[in-house]
Amino acid sequence: MLANKFSTIQLHPFYINEGSTEYLVLKRNTFSHFYPGMWQVITGKIESEEIAYKAALRELNEETSLDYKILYHIPYIGSFYDWQNDKVENIPCFAVELNSKDVVLSNEHSQFEFVKFEKLGNFLELPSHLNASEHLKKCIIDNPNRNNFRIKL
């Protein structure tokens, strides 16, 4: 198998109830090494020989214990500058439609909220998280052709 081209993933969980969509955001614990106390979507490292979308599903389970209905790839590649290693990271972005809102947080996070799209900017500070959220809404949530972005497992 070829080496991973990416080292991290970004996952945007959402829940739809009676036509209303809410997006899950998580607050990192204050003792986190990276971005302590910051609100974010699910992020995580891709393990050796792991496929990016499988890493996203693993992180969903590890960070929230949630189950999902549908997995999508968001047509957007996030990025950030890793100042410690002096490199730019490109990040594949995914989304899952959740079966429930029964979150069980890992110790990596201290809080969670389900919020409407219009409120995401009040929580998410990283531009790539906000930009991917916009692509999620446009290309998946509001798109009758959303199945074009579905990952069929």
N, C-alpha and C. Protein backbone atom coordinates (compact mmCIF):
# COMPACT_ATOMS: atom_id res chain seq x y z
N MET A 1 0.84 -1.18 0.00
CA MET A 1 0.00 0.00 0.00
C MET A 1 0.88 1.24 0.00
N LEU A 2 0.47 2.26 -0.72
CA LEU A 2 1.21 3.51 -0.75
C LEU A 2 1.11 4.23 0.58
N ALA A 3 2.13 5.01 0.87
CA ALA A 3 2.11 5.81 2.10
C ALA A 3 1.00 6.86 1.99
N ASN A 4 0.46 7.27 3.15
CA ASN A 4 -0.57 8.29 3.17
C ASN A 4 -0.05 9.59 2.58
N LYS A 5 -0.88 10.25 1.82
CA LYS A 5 -0.55 11.57 1.33
C LYS A 5 -0.95 12.62 2.35
N PHE A 6 -1.78 12.24 3.29
CA PHE A 6 -2.27 13.15 4.33
C PHE A 6 -1.91 12.56 5.68
N SER A 7 -1.79 13.42 6.69
CA SER A 7 -1.49 12.91 8.03
C SER A 7 -2.63 13.16 9.00
N THR A 8 -3.57 14.07 8.66
CA THR A 8 -4.69 14.35 9.56
C THR A 8 -5.98 14.43 8.76
N ILE A 9 -7.10 14.31 9.48
CA ILE A 9 -8.43 14.43 8.87
C ILE A 9 -9.24 15.47 9.62
N GLN A 10 -10.31 15.88 8.99
CA GLN A 10 -11.30 16.77 9.59
C GLN A 10 -12.66 16.14 9.33
N LEU A 11 -13.49 16.02 10.38
CA LEU A 11 -14.80 15.40 10.25
C LEU A 11 -15.87 16.32 10.81
N HIS A 12 -16.93 16.53 10.03
CA HIS A 12 -18.02 17.43 10.39
C HIS A 12 -19.30 16.62 10.61
N PRO A 13 -19.61 16.24 11.86
CA PRO A 13 -20.85 15.52 12.13
C PRO A 13 -22.05 16.48 12.14
N PHE A 14 -23.17 16.00 11.62
CA PHE A 14 -24.39 16.79 11.65
C PHE A 14 -25.57 15.87 11.93
N TYR A 15 -26.64 16.47 12.47
CA TYR A 15 -27.83 15.73 12.83
C TYR A 15 -29.03 16.44 12.22
N ILE A 16 -29.90 15.69 11.57
CA ILE A 16 -31.10 16.26 10.97
C ILE A 16 -32.32 15.73 11.69
N ASN A 17 -33.17 16.65 12.15
CA ASN A 17 -34.40 16.29 12.84
C ASN A 17 -35.52 17.16 12.30
N GLU A 18 -36.51 16.53 11.69
CA GLU A 18 -37.66 17.23 11.11
C GLU A 18 -37.22 18.36 10.19
N GLY A 19 -36.22 18.07 9.35
CA GLY A 19 -35.77 19.04 8.36
C GLY A 19 -34.81 20.10 8.88
N SER A 20 -34.53 20.08 10.16
CA SER A 20 -33.61 21.06 10.75
C SER A 20 -32.25 20.41 10.98
N THR A 21 -31.18 21.06 10.50
CA THR A 21 -29.84 20.51 10.61
C THR A 21 -29.07 21.22 11.71
N GLU A 22 -28.41 20.42 12.54
CA GLU A 22 -27.53 20.94 13.58
C GLU A 22 -26.15 20.31 13.41
N TYR A 23 -25.13 21.11 13.69
CA TYR A 23 -23.75 20.70 13.49
C TYR A 23 -23.08 20.52 14.84
N LEU A 24 -22.33 19.44 14.99
CA LEU A 24 -21.65 19.15 16.26
C LEU A 24 -20.30 19.87 16.30
N VAL A 25 -20.08 20.61 17.39
CA VAL A 25 -18.78 21.22 17.67
C VAL A 25 -18.32 20.76 19.04
N LEU A 26 -17.01 20.64 19.20
CA LEU A 26 -16.41 20.14 20.43
C LEU A 26 -15.42 21.16 20.97
N LYS A 27 -15.37 21.28 22.28
CA LYS A 27 -14.40 22.19 22.92
C LYS A 27 -13.24 21.37 23.47
N ARG A 28 -12.04 21.69 23.01
CA ARG A 28 -10.84 20.99 23.47
C ARG A 28 -10.61 21.29 24.95
N ASN A 29 -10.10 20.31 25.67
CA ASN A 29 -9.76 20.52 27.08
C ASN A 29 -8.67 21.55 27.20
N THR A 30 -8.62 22.22 28.34
CA THR A 30 -7.61 23.26 28.55
C THR A 30 -6.21 22.69 28.66
N PHE A 31 -6.07 21.39 28.92
CA PHE A 31 -4.74 20.77 29.01
C PHE A 31 -4.27 20.20 27.68
N SER A 32 -5.04 20.40 26.61
CA SER A 32 -4.64 19.90 25.29
C SER A 32 -3.35 20.58 24.84
N HIS A 33 -2.50 19.80 24.20
CA HIS A 33 -1.23 20.33 23.69
C HIS A 33 -1.47 21.34 22.57
N PHE A 34 -2.40 21.02 21.67
CA PHE A 34 -2.72 21.91 20.57
C PHE A 34 -4.07 22.58 20.80
N TYR A 35 -4.11 23.86 20.65
CA TYR A 35 -5.35 24.65 20.71
C TYR A 35 -6.19 24.39 21.97
N PRO A 36 -5.59 24.52 23.16
CA PRO A 36 -6.36 24.28 24.39
C PRO A 36 -7.56 25.23 24.50
N GLY A 37 -8.70 24.66 24.88
CA GLY A 37 -9.91 25.45 25.10
C GLY A 37 -10.62 25.92 23.84
N MET A 38 -10.16 25.52 22.67
CA MET A 38 -10.75 25.99 21.42
C MET A 38 -11.86 25.04 20.95
N TRP A 39 -12.91 25.64 20.38
CA TRP A 39 -13.99 24.88 19.76
C TRP A 39 -13.56 24.44 18.37
N GLN A 40 -13.95 23.24 18.00
CA GLN A 40 -13.54 22.68 16.71
C GLN A 40 -14.50 21.60 16.27
N VAL A 41 -14.28 21.11 15.05
CA VAL A 41 -14.93 19.89 14.60
C VAL A 41 -14.01 18.74 15.00
N ILE A 42 -14.36 17.53 14.63
CA ILE A 42 -13.50 16.39 14.95
C ILE A 42 -12.28 16.41 14.04
N THR A 43 -11.12 16.26 14.66
CA THR A 43 -9.87 16.18 13.92
C THR A 43 -9.08 15.00 14.47
N GLY A 44 -8.10 14.56 13.70
CA GLY A 44 -7.27 13.48 14.21
C GLY A 44 -6.23 13.03 13.21
N LYS A 45 -5.30 12.26 13.71
CA LYS A 45 -4.20 11.73 12.90
C LYS A 45 -4.66 10.48 12.15
N ILE A 46 -4.10 10.32 10.96
CA ILE A 46 -4.29 9.10 10.19
C ILE A 46 -3.17 8.15 10.59
N GLU A 47 -3.54 6.96 11.03
CA GLU A 47 -2.54 5.99 11.46
C GLU A 47 -1.86 5.36 10.25
N SER A 48 -0.71 4.79 10.49
CA SER A 48 0.06 4.14 9.43
C SER A 48 -0.81 3.12 8.70
N GLU A 49 -0.78 3.16 7.39
CA GLU A 49 -1.53 2.24 6.52
C GLU A 49 -3.05 2.43 6.59
N GLU A 50 -3.53 3.47 7.26
CA GLU A 50 -4.97 3.72 7.39
C GLU A 50 -5.43 4.63 6.24
N ILE A 51 -6.61 4.38 5.74
CA ILE A 51 -7.23 5.22 4.72
C ILE A 51 -7.89 6.40 5.43
N ALA A 52 -7.83 7.57 4.81
CA ALA A 52 -8.30 8.80 5.45
C ALA A 52 -9.74 8.70 5.96
N TYR A 53 -10.68 8.21 5.15
CA TYR A 53 -12.07 8.16 5.61
C TYR A 53 -12.25 7.19 6.77
N LYS A 54 -11.44 6.13 6.82
CA LYS A 54 -11.51 5.21 7.96
C LYS A 54 -10.97 5.86 9.23
N ALA A 55 -9.97 6.71 9.08
CA ALA A 55 -9.46 7.48 10.22
C ALA A 55 -10.56 8.40 10.75
N ALA A 56 -11.32 9.01 9.84
CA ALA A 56 -12.41 9.90 10.26
C ALA A 56 -13.45 9.13 11.07
N LEU A 57 -13.82 7.94 10.62
CA LEU A 57 -14.80 7.14 11.35
C LEU A 57 -14.25 6.67 12.70
N ARG A 58 -12.98 6.32 12.74
CA ARG A 58 -12.34 5.92 14.00
C ARG A 58 -12.35 7.09 14.98
N GLU A 59 -12.01 8.27 14.50
CA GLU A 59 -11.99 9.46 15.36
C GLU A 59 -13.40 9.79 15.87
N LEU A 60 -14.41 9.62 15.03
CA LEU A 60 -15.80 9.83 15.46
C LEU A 60 -16.10 8.95 16.66
N ASN A 61 -15.74 7.69 16.56
CA ASN A 61 -15.99 6.75 17.64
C ASN A 61 -15.17 7.10 18.89
N GLU A 62 -13.89 7.37 18.70
CA GLU A 62 -13.01 7.65 19.84
C GLU A 62 -13.40 8.94 20.58
N GLU A 63 -13.80 9.97 19.85
CA GLU A 63 -14.05 11.27 20.46
C GLU A 63 -15.49 11.46 20.93
N THR A 64 -16.45 10.70 20.36
CA THR A 64 -17.86 10.94 20.70
C THR A 64 -18.67 9.68 20.98
N SER A 65 -18.20 8.52 20.56
CA SER A 65 -18.94 7.25 20.64
C SER A 65 -20.24 7.26 19.84
N LEU A 66 -20.35 8.15 18.85
CA LEU A 66 -21.58 8.25 18.05
C LEU A 66 -21.57 7.29 16.87
N ASP A 67 -22.77 6.89 16.45
CA ASP A 67 -22.96 6.10 15.24
C ASP A 67 -23.44 7.04 14.13
N TYR A 68 -23.22 6.64 12.91
CA TYR A 68 -23.61 7.48 11.78
C TYR A 68 -24.49 6.71 10.81
N LYS A 69 -25.25 7.48 10.00
CA LYS A 69 -26.08 6.90 8.95
C LYS A 69 -25.33 6.89 7.62
N ILE A 70 -24.76 8.05 7.27
CA ILE A 70 -24.15 8.23 5.96
C ILE A 70 -22.82 8.97 6.13
N LEU A 71 -21.83 8.53 5.37
CA LEU A 71 -20.52 9.18 5.32
C LEU A 71 -20.38 9.89 3.98
N TYR A 72 -19.90 11.13 4.03
CA TYR A 72 -19.67 11.93 2.83
C TYR A 72 -18.23 12.44 2.80
N HIS A 73 -17.73 12.69 1.61
CA HIS A 73 -16.49 13.47 1.50
C HIS A 73 -16.91 14.88 1.10
N ILE A 74 -16.39 15.85 1.82
CA ILE A 74 -16.66 17.25 1.50
C ILE A 74 -15.68 17.65 0.40
N PRO A 75 -16.15 18.24 -0.70
CA PRO A 75 -15.25 18.60 -1.79
C PRO A 75 -14.42 19.84 -1.44
N TYR A 76 -13.56 19.65 -0.46
CA TYR A 76 -12.73 20.75 0.05
C TYR A 76 -11.52 20.12 0.74
N ILE A 77 -10.36 20.68 0.52
CA ILE A 77 -9.15 20.25 1.23
C ILE A 77 -8.75 21.38 2.16
N GLY A 78 -8.80 21.13 3.47
CA GLY A 78 -8.38 22.12 4.45
C GLY A 78 -6.86 22.19 4.49
N SER A 79 -6.36 23.20 5.15
CA SER A 79 -4.91 23.30 5.29
C SER A 79 -4.56 24.16 6.51
N PHE A 80 -3.35 23.95 7.00
CA PHE A 80 -2.81 24.82 8.05
C PHE A 80 -1.30 24.71 8.03
N TYR A 81 -0.68 25.70 8.63
CA TYR A 81 0.78 25.70 8.72
C TYR A 81 1.18 25.10 10.06
N ASP A 82 1.97 24.03 10.02
CA ASP A 82 2.51 23.37 11.20
C ASP A 82 3.86 24.03 11.50
N TRP A 83 3.85 25.00 12.40
CA TRP A 83 5.06 25.78 12.67
C TRP A 83 6.14 24.95 13.35
N GLN A 84 5.75 23.89 14.07
CA GLN A 84 6.74 23.07 14.76
C GLN A 84 7.58 22.24 13.79
N ASN A 85 6.97 21.85 12.66
CA ASN A 85 7.67 21.06 11.65
C ASN A 85 7.93 21.83 10.36
N ASP A 86 7.56 23.13 10.36
CA ASP A 86 7.77 24.02 9.23
C ASP A 86 7.24 23.42 7.93
N LYS A 87 5.95 23.04 7.97
CA LYS A 87 5.33 22.50 6.76
C LYS A 87 3.85 22.83 6.73
N VAL A 88 3.29 22.82 5.54
CA VAL A 88 1.87 23.04 5.35
C VAL A 88 1.19 21.67 5.28
N GLU A 89 0.17 21.50 6.08
CA GLU A 89 -0.61 20.26 6.09
C GLU A 89 -1.88 20.45 5.25
N ASN A 90 -2.15 19.53 4.35
CA ASN A 90 -3.41 19.48 3.62
C ASN A 90 -4.27 18.41 4.26
N ILE A 91 -5.55 18.72 4.44
CA ILE A 91 -6.43 17.88 5.24
C ILE A 91 -7.69 17.50 4.47
N PRO A 92 -7.91 16.20 4.21
CA PRO A 92 -9.17 15.80 3.61
C PRO A 92 -10.30 16.00 4.62
N CYS A 93 -11.44 16.45 4.11
CA CYS A 93 -12.58 16.76 4.98
C CYS A 93 -13.75 15.83 4.68
N PHE A 94 -14.38 15.38 5.73
CA PHE A 94 -15.49 14.44 5.64
C PHE A 94 -16.66 14.94 6.48
N ALA A 95 -17.82 14.36 6.26
CA ALA A 95 -19.01 14.66 7.05
C ALA A 95 -19.77 13.37 7.29
N VAL A 96 -20.45 13.31 8.42
CA VAL A 96 -21.34 12.18 8.69
C VAL A 96 -22.68 12.70 9.17
N GLU A 97 -23.73 12.07 8.64
CA GLU A 97 -25.06 12.29 9.21
C GLU A 97 -25.20 11.32 10.36
N LEU A 98 -25.50 11.86 11.53
CA LEU A 98 -25.55 11.07 12.76
C LEU A 98 -26.90 10.40 12.96
N ASN A 99 -26.87 9.26 13.66
CA ASN A 99 -28.09 8.56 14.06
C ASN A 99 -28.74 9.19 15.29
N SER A 100 -27.93 9.81 16.13
CA SER A 100 -28.45 10.38 17.38
C SER A 100 -27.54 11.53 17.83
N LYS A 101 -27.94 12.17 18.90
CA LYS A 101 -27.14 13.24 19.51
C LYS A 101 -26.60 12.80 20.88
N ASP A 102 -26.49 11.49 21.08
CA ASP A 102 -26.07 10.93 22.37
C ASP A 102 -24.54 10.87 22.46
N VAL A 103 -23.94 12.03 22.61
CA VAL A 103 -22.48 12.15 22.64
C VAL A 103 -21.93 11.65 23.97
N VAL A 104 -20.88 10.87 23.90
CA VAL A 104 -20.07 10.50 25.07
C VAL A 104 -18.66 11.01 24.75
N LEU A 105 -18.28 12.11 25.40
CA LEU A 105 -17.01 12.76 25.09
C LEU A 105 -15.81 11.97 25.60
N SER A 106 -14.75 11.99 24.82
CA SER A 106 -13.46 11.47 25.30
C SER A 106 -12.85 12.54 26.20
N ASN A 107 -11.74 12.20 26.84
CA ASN A 107 -11.11 13.19 27.73
C ASN A 107 -10.39 14.29 26.95
N GLU A 108 -10.34 14.17 25.64
CA GLU A 108 -9.72 15.19 24.79
C GLU A 108 -10.55 16.48 24.76
N HIS A 109 -11.86 16.34 25.03
CA HIS A 109 -12.78 17.48 24.97
C HIS A 109 -13.54 17.64 26.29
N SER A 110 -13.95 18.88 26.56
CA SER A 110 -14.65 19.17 27.80
C SER A 110 -16.13 19.47 27.59
N GLN A 111 -16.51 19.89 26.38
CA GLN A 111 -17.90 20.25 26.11
C GLN A 111 -18.24 19.94 24.65
N PHE A 112 -19.54 19.89 24.39
CA PHE A 112 -20.01 19.79 23.01
C PHE A 112 -21.29 20.58 22.88
N GLU A 113 -21.59 20.99 21.67
CA GLU A 113 -22.83 21.69 21.35
C GLU A 113 -23.27 21.25 19.97
N PHE A 114 -24.58 21.18 19.78
CA PHE A 114 -25.16 21.05 18.46
C PHE A 114 -25.71 22.42 18.11
N VAL A 115 -25.23 23.01 17.02
CA VAL A 115 -25.60 24.38 16.68
C VAL A 115 -26.08 24.48 15.24
N LYS A 116 -26.88 25.49 14.98
CA LYS A 116 -27.33 25.79 13.63
C LYS A 116 -26.15 26.36 12.83
N PHE A 117 -26.24 26.25 11.52
CA PHE A 117 -25.17 26.72 10.64
C PHE A 117 -24.83 28.19 10.93
N GLU A 118 -25.84 29.01 11.13
CA GLU A 118 -25.64 30.44 11.33
C GLU A 118 -24.82 30.75 12.58
N LYS A 119 -24.74 29.82 13.52
CA LYS A 119 -24.01 30.03 14.78
C LYS A 119 -22.60 29.44 14.76
N LEU A 120 -22.24 28.69 13.70
CA LEU A 120 -20.92 28.05 13.68
C LEU A 120 -19.78 29.05 13.84
N GLY A 121 -19.92 30.23 13.24
CA GLY A 121 -18.88 31.25 13.34
C GLY A 121 -18.65 31.74 14.76
N ASN A 122 -19.63 31.54 15.65
CA ASN A 122 -19.46 31.91 17.06
C ASN A 122 -18.61 30.90 17.80
N PHE A 123 -18.41 29.73 17.23
CA PHE A 123 -17.66 28.66 17.88
C PHE A 123 -16.33 28.38 17.19
N LEU A 124 -16.37 28.16 15.89
CA LEU A 124 -15.19 27.70 15.16
C LEU A 124 -14.25 28.85 14.84
N GLU A 125 -12.99 28.73 15.29
CA GLU A 125 -12.01 29.78 15.07
C GLU A 125 -11.09 29.50 13.88
N LEU A 126 -10.88 28.24 13.56
CA LEU A 126 -9.97 27.89 12.48
C LEU A 126 -10.66 28.09 11.13
N PRO A 127 -10.04 28.86 10.25
CA PRO A 127 -10.66 29.12 8.94
C PRO A 127 -11.00 27.85 8.16
N SER A 128 -10.15 26.83 8.22
CA SER A 128 -10.44 25.62 7.45
C SER A 128 -11.69 24.91 7.96
N HIS A 129 -11.98 25.01 9.26
CA HIS A 129 -13.19 24.39 9.81
C HIS A 129 -14.43 25.14 9.31
N LEU A 130 -14.35 26.47 9.31
CA LEU A 130 -15.48 27.27 8.81
C LEU A 130 -15.67 27.08 7.31
N ASN A 131 -14.58 27.09 6.55
CA ASN A 131 -14.68 26.93 5.10
C ASN A 131 -15.26 25.56 4.73
N ALA A 132 -14.79 24.52 5.39
CA ALA A 132 -15.33 23.18 5.12
C ALA A 132 -16.81 23.10 5.48
N SER A 133 -17.21 23.79 6.55
CA SER A 133 -18.62 23.82 6.95
C SER A 133 -19.48 24.47 5.86
N GLU A 134 -18.96 25.52 5.25
CA GLU A 134 -19.69 26.18 4.16
C GLU A 134 -19.85 25.24 2.96
N HIS A 135 -18.79 24.50 2.64
CA HIS A 135 -18.87 23.53 1.53
C HIS A 135 -19.81 22.39 1.88
N LEU A 136 -19.82 21.96 3.13
CA LEU A 136 -20.75 20.92 3.59
C LEU A 136 -22.19 21.38 3.36
N LYS A 137 -22.50 22.58 3.78
CA LYS A 137 -23.87 23.08 3.63
C LYS A 137 -24.26 23.18 2.16
N LYS A 138 -23.38 23.77 1.35
CA LYS A 138 -23.70 24.00 -0.06
C LYS A 138 -23.76 22.69 -0.85
N CYS A 139 -22.78 21.83 -0.67
CA CYS A 139 -22.64 20.65 -1.54
C CYS A 139 -23.36 19.41 -1.03
N ILE A 140 -23.69 19.39 0.26
CA ILE A 140 -24.32 18.18 0.82
C ILE A 140 -25.67 18.49 1.46
N ILE A 141 -25.68 19.35 2.47
CA ILE A 141 -26.94 19.61 3.19
C ILE A 141 -28.01 20.17 2.27
N ASP A 142 -27.68 21.22 1.51
CA ASP A 142 -28.66 21.90 0.66
C ASP A 142 -28.73 21.37 -0.77
N ASN A 143 -27.99 20.33 -1.07
CA ASN A 143 -27.87 19.85 -2.45
C ASN A 143 -28.71 18.60 -2.68
N PRO A 144 -29.69 18.65 -3.59
CA PRO A 144 -30.47 17.45 -3.88
C PRO A 144 -29.62 16.34 -4.51
N ASN A 145 -28.44 16.69 -5.02
CA ASN A 145 -27.53 15.70 -5.60
C ASN A 145 -26.43 15.31 -4.62
N ARG A 146 -26.73 15.39 -3.33
CA ARG A 146 -25.71 15.12 -2.29
C ARG A 146 -25.10 13.73 -2.40
N ASN A 147 -25.82 12.78 -2.98
CA ASN A 147 -25.27 11.43 -3.08
C ASN A 147 -24.03 11.35 -3.96
N ASN A 148 -23.79 12.40 -4.75
CA ASN A 148 -22.54 12.45 -5.51
C ASN A 148 -21.33 12.48 -4.58
N PHE A 149 -21.52 12.90 -3.33
CA PHE A 149 -20.43 13.02 -2.37
C PHE A 149 -20.45 11.92 -1.31
N ARG A 150 -21.38 11.00 -1.45
CA ARG A 150 -21.51 9.91 -0.48
C ARG A 150 -20.39 8.90 -0.68
N ILE A 151 -19.83 8.44 0.42
CA ILE A 151 -18.84 7.35 0.38
C ILE A 151 -19.61 6.07 0.69
N LYS A 152 -19.71 5.22 -0.27
CA LYS A 152 -20.47 3.97 -0.11
C LYS A 152 -19.57 2.91 0.46
N LEU A 153 -19.89 2.44 1.65
CA LEU A 153 -19.10 1.43 2.32
C LEU A 153 -19.72 0.05 2.18
